[in-house]
C-alpha cells in the first residue's frame, strides 16, 4: 500500500473488484465510500482512495463511549447505504484501516476493500472493526459498551436495523445516566 497525504493506493489482482462495483465506486454514486479511482497495469489494478479530511480509525480511534457507539452506528448506516447501491456488505473488509472518520463533519466513510471470503452474515463484517476498537480503547466504560454491541451481534440473528436499534438503546443509557466519557 502506497500512501500520500490524502491519497493511498492499493493493488489488487484483476477481477477482485467487479466491473459494476468499480462503476459505482468511481462515479461516487454511494456516499458511504471515499472517492476512488482505478487504473489497470498489466495483471494488476491500482486502486486509489482519496481520504481528504478523513483519518482512519487506526490513527484516530474514538475514545469515549458515545463517540465509539456513534462510529459503529454510522458504519452500520453506511453498510445499509451500500446495499441500496447493490454493494454486498458481506464482501467488504471493515476494520480500523478501512473506516475513516471526520470529527469536524461527524461523518464516517468507508474504503471499499474486498474481503478474501464473504462473511457468513452481513452484520458479521462489524466483528473485526469492533475487535480493533476494543484493542485501542483503555477506558473500561467504553469497552463495556463496545462489548455489548459485539455480544448482541454474536448472540442474535438480527439485521443491520436491529443493530442500529440496539446501539440507540445503549446511547440512551449513556445520556440518561450521564456516562458521556
Protein backbone atom coordinates (compact mmCIF):
# COMPACT_ATOMS: atom_id res chain seq x y z
CA UNK A 1 0.00 0.00 0.00
CA UNK A 2 1.38 3.38 -1.04
CA UNK A 3 0.36 6.48 0.89
CA UNK A 4 0.49 10.19 0.26
CA UNK A 5 -1.03 12.94 2.36
CA UNK A 6 -4.63 12.43 1.23
CA UNK A 7 -4.34 9.61 -1.31
CA UNK A 8 -3.47 5.99 -0.69
CA UNK A 9 -3.20 3.25 -3.28
CA UNK A 10 -3.76 -0.49 -3.02
CA UNK A 11 -3.00 -3.04 -5.71
CA UNK A 12 -5.45 -5.87 -6.45
CA UNK A 13 -5.47 -8.69 -8.93
CA UNK A 14 -7.76 -8.07 -11.89
CA UNK A 15 -11.33 -9.14 -11.14
CA UNK A 16 -11.15 -8.85 -7.36
CA UNK A 17 -13.41 -5.80 -7.62
CA UNK A 18 -16.22 -6.44 -10.08
CA UNK A 19 -16.78 -4.06 -13.01
CA UNK A 20 -20.20 -2.90 -11.76
CA UNK A 21 -18.66 -2.24 -8.32
CA UNK A 22 -15.89 -0.16 -9.91
CA UNK A 23 -18.50 1.83 -11.81
CA UNK A 24 -20.47 2.58 -8.64
CA UNK A 25 -17.33 3.41 -6.66
CA UNK A 26 -15.53 5.55 -9.25
CA UNK A 27 -18.68 7.53 -10.13
CA UNK A 28 -19.30 8.30 -6.45
CA UNK A 29 -22.89 7.04 -6.53
CA UNK A 30 -22.71 5.77 -2.97
CA UNK A 31 -21.80 8.44 -0.43
CA UNK A 32 -20.74 5.81 2.11
CA UNK A 33 -17.39 5.38 0.34
CA UNK A 34 -14.30 7.50 -0.02
CA UNK A 35 -13.80 8.71 -3.60
CA UNK A 36 -11.96 6.04 -5.59
CA UNK A 37 -10.29 5.59 -8.96
CA UNK A 38 -8.95 2.54 -10.78
CA UNK A 39 -6.02 2.05 -13.16
CA UNK A 40 -5.16 -1.27 -14.76
CA UNK A 41 -1.42 -2.03 -15.05
CA UNK A 42 -0.79 -5.42 -16.64
CA UNK A 43 -2.27 -8.15 -14.43
CA UNK A 44 -2.93 -5.82 -11.51
CA UNK A 45 -5.30 -3.00 -10.80
CA UNK A 46 -4.19 0.05 -8.82
CA UNK A 47 -6.98 1.46 -6.73
CA UNK A 48 -6.56 4.96 -5.33
CA UNK A 49 -8.59 6.27 -2.42
CA UNK A 50 -8.96 9.98 -1.64
CA UNK A 51 -9.21 10.34 2.13
CA UNK A 52 -9.08 14.15 2.20
CA UNK A 53 -10.47 15.38 5.53
CA UNK A 54 -10.77 11.87 7.00
CA UNK A 55 -8.49 9.77 9.19
CA UNK A 56 -8.64 6.01 9.53
CA UNK A 57 -9.86 4.78 12.91
CA UNK A 58 -6.37 3.23 13.27
CA UNK A 59 -4.97 6.78 13.55
CA UNK A 60 -7.83 8.41 15.43
CA UNK A 61 -9.75 5.82 17.42
CA UNK A 62 -12.87 7.02 19.24
CA UNK A 63 -12.12 7.30 22.94
CA UNK A 64 -15.46 7.94 24.64
CA UNK A 65 -18.41 5.56 24.92
CA UNK A 66 -20.70 7.85 22.98
CA UNK A 67 -18.14 8.54 20.26
CA UNK A 68 -17.41 4.81 19.81
CA UNK A 69 -21.11 3.96 19.59
CA UNK A 70 -21.67 6.82 17.13
CA UNK A 71 -18.89 5.48 14.88
CA UNK A 72 -20.31 1.95 14.99
CA UNK A 73 -23.81 3.24 14.29
CA UNK A 74 -22.59 5.30 11.33
CA UNK A 75 -20.73 2.26 9.98
CA UNK A 76 -23.94 0.23 10.09
CA UNK A 77 -25.87 3.04 8.38
CA UNK A 78 -23.12 3.23 5.74
CA UNK A 79 -23.44 -0.52 5.16
CA UNK A 80 -27.20 -0.10 4.69
CA UNK A 81 -26.50 2.62 2.13
CA UNK A 82 -24.07 0.27 0.36
CA UNK A 83 -26.84 -2.28 -0.01
CA UNK A 84 -29.05 0.32 -1.68
CA UNK A 85 -26.32 0.68 -4.31
CA UNK A 86 -26.01 -3.09 -4.91
CA UNK A 87 -22.78 -3.40 -2.94
CA UNK A 88 -22.78 -6.57 -0.80
CA UNK A 89 -21.59 -5.71 2.74
CA UNK A 90 -20.59 -9.36 3.31
CA UNK A 91 -17.79 -8.88 0.77
CA UNK A 92 -16.29 -5.78 2.41
CA UNK A 93 -13.39 -5.61 4.85
CA UNK A 94 -14.44 -3.37 7.70
CA UNK A 95 -11.59 -2.61 10.07
CA UNK A 96 -9.54 0.19 11.60
CA UNK A 97 -7.75 0.73 8.27
CA UNK A 98 -10.90 0.87 6.08
CA UNK A 99 -13.17 3.01 8.27
CA UNK A 100 -12.44 6.73 8.07
CA UNK A 101 -13.68 9.40 10.44
CA UNK A 102 -14.02 13.16 10.05
CA UNK A 103 -14.57 14.51 13.53
CA UNK A 104 -15.18 18.04 12.21
CA UNK A 105 -18.03 16.78 9.99
CA UNK A 106 -19.08 13.98 12.34
CA UNK A 107 -19.02 11.63 9.34
CA UNK A 108 -17.79 8.14 8.63
CA UNK A 109 -16.67 6.99 5.17
CA UNK A 110 -15.56 3.54 4.10
CA UNK A 111 -12.72 2.49 1.84
CA UNK A 112 -14.04 -0.34 -0.29
CA UNK A 113 -11.61 -3.20 0.23
CA UNK A 114 -12.89 -6.64 -0.74
CA UNK A 115 -12.64 -9.44 1.84
CA UNK A 116 -10.87 -12.64 0.89
CA UNK A 117 -14.01 -14.61 1.83
CA UNK A 118 -17.52 -13.16 2.32
CA UNK A 119 -18.84 -13.02 5.87
CA UNK A 120 -21.49 -15.61 6.75
CA UNK A 121 -23.93 -12.86 7.80
CA UNK A 122 -23.83 -9.20 6.78
CA UNK A 123 -23.62 -7.95 10.39
CA UNK A 124 -20.53 -10.11 10.96
CA UNK A 125 -18.43 -7.66 8.92
CA UNK A 126 -18.52 -5.45 12.04
CA UNK A 127 -16.70 -8.05 14.17
CA UNK A 128 -13.15 -7.21 13.05
CA UNK A 129 -13.73 -3.47 13.48
CA UNK A 130 -15.21 -3.94 16.95
CA UNK A 131 -12.24 -6.08 17.99
CA UNK A 132 -9.77 -3.45 16.76
CA UNK A 133 -11.59 -0.63 18.54
CA UNK A 134 -11.53 -2.73 21.73
CA UNK A 135 -7.75 -3.22 21.33
CA UNK A 136 -7.25 0.55 21.10
CA UNK A 137 -9.61 1.50 23.94
CA UNK A 138 -8.41 1.72 27.52
CA UNK A 139 -11.48 3.30 29.14
CA UNK A 140 -13.37 0.45 30.84
CA UNK A 141 -16.81 2.04 30.43
CA UNK A 142 -16.24 2.47 26.69
CA UNK A 143 -15.03 -1.13 26.42
CA UNK A 144 -18.20 -2.32 28.17
CA UNK A 145 -20.45 -0.58 25.63
CA UNK A 146 -18.46 -1.81 22.65
CA UNK A 147 -18.56 -5.35 24.04
CA UNK A 148 -22.33 -5.02 24.45
CA UNK A 149 -22.62 -4.39 20.70
CA UNK A 150 -20.28 -7.29 19.95
CA UNK A 151 -22.28 -9.64 22.19
CA UNK A 152 -25.53 -8.53 20.58
CA UNK A 153 -24.19 -9.34 17.12
CA UNK A 154 -22.85 -12.72 18.29
CA UNK A 155 -25.99 -13.78 20.17
CA UNK A 156 -28.74 -12.55 17.87
CA UNK A 157 -29.71 -13.18 14.31
CA UNK A 158 -30.53 -9.51 13.95
CA UNK A 159 -30.24 -7.36 10.87
CA UNK A 160 -28.39 -4.08 10.46
CA UNK A 161 -31.60 -2.32 11.55
CA UNK A 162 -31.64 -4.36 14.76
CA UNK A 163 -28.01 -3.45 15.45
CA UNK A 164 -28.77 0.26 14.93
CA UNK A 165 -31.71 -0.05 17.33
CA UNK A 166 -29.53 -1.77 19.95
CA UNK A 167 -26.84 0.89 19.63
CA UNK A 168 -29.56 3.55 20.02
CA UNK A 169 -30.65 1.95 23.30
CA UNK A 170 -27.07 1.96 24.58
CA UNK A 171 -26.69 5.63 23.62
CA UNK A 172 -29.91 6.44 25.51
CA UNK A 173 -28.47 4.73 28.57
CA UNK A 174 -25.32 6.84 28.32
CA UNK A 175 -27.37 10.07 28.06
CA UNK A 176 -29.76 9.15 30.87
CA UNK A 177 -27.00 8.01 33.23
CA UNK A 178 -24.67 10.87 32.30
CA UNK A 179 -21.85 8.48 31.33
CA UNK A 180 -20.54 10.52 28.44
CA UNK A 181 -16.83 9.78 28.79
